[in-house]
């Protein structure tokens, strides 16, 4: 899929663990893990908004478009 989730990079920059982020945005650690690995079919804008609020970042800091990664 050409949309790549780069949430791990931002978590490292903010020195925050996935467990803490999941708790602060109100989703399970399992769902956050699926999001980080790119194994979700969709994500709510409200979830992206909460992530950006907690990590003080923009959506483009946690999502990237990679041309040619054409898997399904």
C-alpha atoms as a PDB file:
ATOM      1  CA  UNK A   1       0.000   0.000   0.000  1.00  0.00           C
ATOM      2  CA  UNK A   2       1.453   3.391  -0.901  1.00  0.00           C
ATOM      3  CA  UNK A   3       0.301   5.011   2.377  1.00  0.00           C
ATOM      4  CA  UNK A   4       2.853   4.232   5.072  1.00  0.00           C
ATOM      5  CA  UNK A   5       2.330   4.850   8.791  1.00  0.00           C
ATOM      6  CA  UNK A   6       5.442   6.429  10.311  1.00  0.00           C
ATOM      7  CA  UNK A   7       4.057   6.684  13.833  1.00  0.00           C
ATOM      8  CA  UNK A   8       7.030   4.819  15.333  1.00  0.00           C
ATOM      9  CA  UNK A   9       9.349   7.607  14.205  1.00  0.00           C
ATOM     10  CA  UNK A  10       7.261  10.283  15.921  1.00  0.00           C
ATOM     11  CA  UNK A  11       6.922   8.188  19.076  1.00  0.00           C
ATOM     12  CA  UNK A  12      10.710   7.869  19.213  1.00  0.00           C
ATOM     13  CA  UNK A  13      11.149  11.616  18.692  1.00  0.00           C
ATOM     14  CA  UNK A  14       8.738  12.323  21.536  1.00  0.00           C
ATOM     15  CA  UNK A  15      10.288   9.600  23.722  1.00  0.00           C
ATOM     16  CA  UNK A  16       6.870   8.049  24.252  1.00  0.00           C
ATOM     17  CA  UNK A  17       5.862   4.404  24.348  1.00  0.00           C
ATOM     18  CA  UNK A  18       2.946   3.001  22.378  1.00  0.00           C
ATOM     19  CA  UNK A  19       1.271   1.984  25.627  1.00  0.00           C
ATOM     20  CA  UNK A  20       1.204   5.579  26.863  1.00  0.00           C
ATOM     21  CA  UNK A  21      -0.080   6.927  23.542  1.00  0.00           C
ATOM     22  CA  UNK A  22      -2.849   4.314  23.421  1.00  0.00           C
ATOM     23  CA  UNK A  23      -3.973   5.254  26.927  1.00  0.00           C
ATOM     24  CA  UNK A  24      -3.895   8.982  26.193  1.00  0.00           C
ATOM     25  CA  UNK A  25      -5.927   8.728  22.983  1.00  0.00           C
ATOM     26  CA  UNK A  26      -8.346   6.120  24.295  1.00  0.00           C
ATOM     27  CA  UNK A  27      -7.710   3.114  22.051  1.00  0.00           C
ATOM     28  CA  UNK A  28      -6.406  -0.340  22.853  1.00  0.00           C
ATOM     29  CA  UNK A  29      -2.723  -1.141  22.538  1.00  0.00           C
ATOM     30  CA  UNK A  30      -3.664  -3.853  20.038  1.00  0.00           C
ATOM     31  CA  UNK A  31      -5.481  -1.384  17.778  1.00  0.00           C
ATOM     32  CA  UNK A  32      -2.586   1.065  17.982  1.00  0.00           C
ATOM     33  CA  UNK A  33      -0.207  -1.751  17.072  1.00  0.00           C
ATOM     34  CA  UNK A  34      -2.318  -2.604  14.026  1.00  0.00           C
ATOM     35  CA  UNK A  35      -2.317   1.052  13.008  1.00  0.00           C
ATOM     36  CA  UNK A  36       1.461   1.335  13.403  1.00  0.00           C
ATOM     37  CA  UNK A  37       2.023  -1.761  11.292  1.00  0.00           C
ATOM     38  CA  UNK A  38      -0.274  -0.494   8.535  1.00  0.00           C
ATOM     39  CA  UNK A  39      -2.598  -3.492   8.865  1.00  0.00           C
ATOM     40  CA  UNK A  40      -5.764  -1.411   9.108  1.00  0.00           C
ATOM     41  CA  UNK A  41      -8.061  -0.623   6.193  1.00  0.00           C
ATOM     42  CA  UNK A  42      -8.965   2.794   7.549  1.00  0.00           C
ATOM     43  CA  UNK A  43      -8.523   5.181  10.426  1.00  0.00           C
ATOM     44  CA  UNK A  44     -10.891   7.840  11.728  1.00  0.00           C
ATOM     45  CA  UNK A  45      -9.905  11.468  11.417  1.00  0.00           C
ATOM     46  CA  UNK A  46     -10.788  11.814  15.102  1.00  0.00           C
ATOM     47  CA  UNK A  47      -8.105   9.234  15.948  1.00  0.00           C
ATOM     48  CA  UNK A  48      -5.518  11.018  13.805  1.00  0.00           C
ATOM     49  CA  UNK A  49      -6.506  14.291  15.482  1.00  0.00           C
ATOM     50  CA  UNK A  50      -5.994  12.817  18.966  1.00  0.00           C
ATOM     51  CA  UNK A  51      -2.619  11.343  17.981  1.00  0.00           C
ATOM     52  CA  UNK A  52      -1.513  14.702  16.598  1.00  0.00           C
ATOM     53  CA  UNK A  53      -2.689  16.525  19.738  1.00  0.00           C
ATOM     54  CA  UNK A  54      -0.796  14.187  22.060  1.00  0.00           C
ATOM     55  CA  UNK A  55       2.377  14.053  19.944  1.00  0.00           C
ATOM     56  CA  UNK A  56       2.196  17.735  18.950  1.00  0.00           C
ATOM     57  CA  UNK A  57       2.583  16.906  15.282  1.00  0.00           C
ATOM     58  CA  UNK A  58       0.852  17.145  11.906  1.00  0.00           C
ATOM     59  CA  UNK A  59      -0.840  14.239  10.068  1.00  0.00           C
ATOM     60  CA  UNK A  60       2.015  14.308   7.544  1.00  0.00           C
ATOM     61  CA  UNK A  61       4.424  13.527  10.383  1.00  0.00           C
ATOM     62  CA  UNK A  62       2.763  10.146  10.963  1.00  0.00           C
ATOM     63  CA  UNK A  63       1.560   9.258   7.442  1.00  0.00           C
ATOM     64  CA  UNK A  64       3.572   9.176   4.232  1.00  0.00           C
ATOM     65  CA  UNK A  65       2.842   8.443   0.591  1.00  0.00           C
ATOM     66  CA  UNK A  66       5.351   6.176  -1.131  1.00  0.00           C
ATOM     67  CA  UNK A  67       4.936   5.858  -4.876  1.00  0.00           C
ATOM     68  CA  UNK A  68       5.479   2.336  -6.156  1.00  0.00           C
ATOM     69  CA  UNK A  69       4.780   0.422  -2.938  1.00  0.00           C
ATOM     70  CA  UNK A  70       1.827  -0.979  -4.872  1.00  0.00           C
ATOM     71  CA  UNK A  71       0.835  -4.007  -2.736  1.00  0.00           C
ATOM     72  CA  UNK A  72      -2.823  -4.469  -1.834  1.00  0.00           C
END
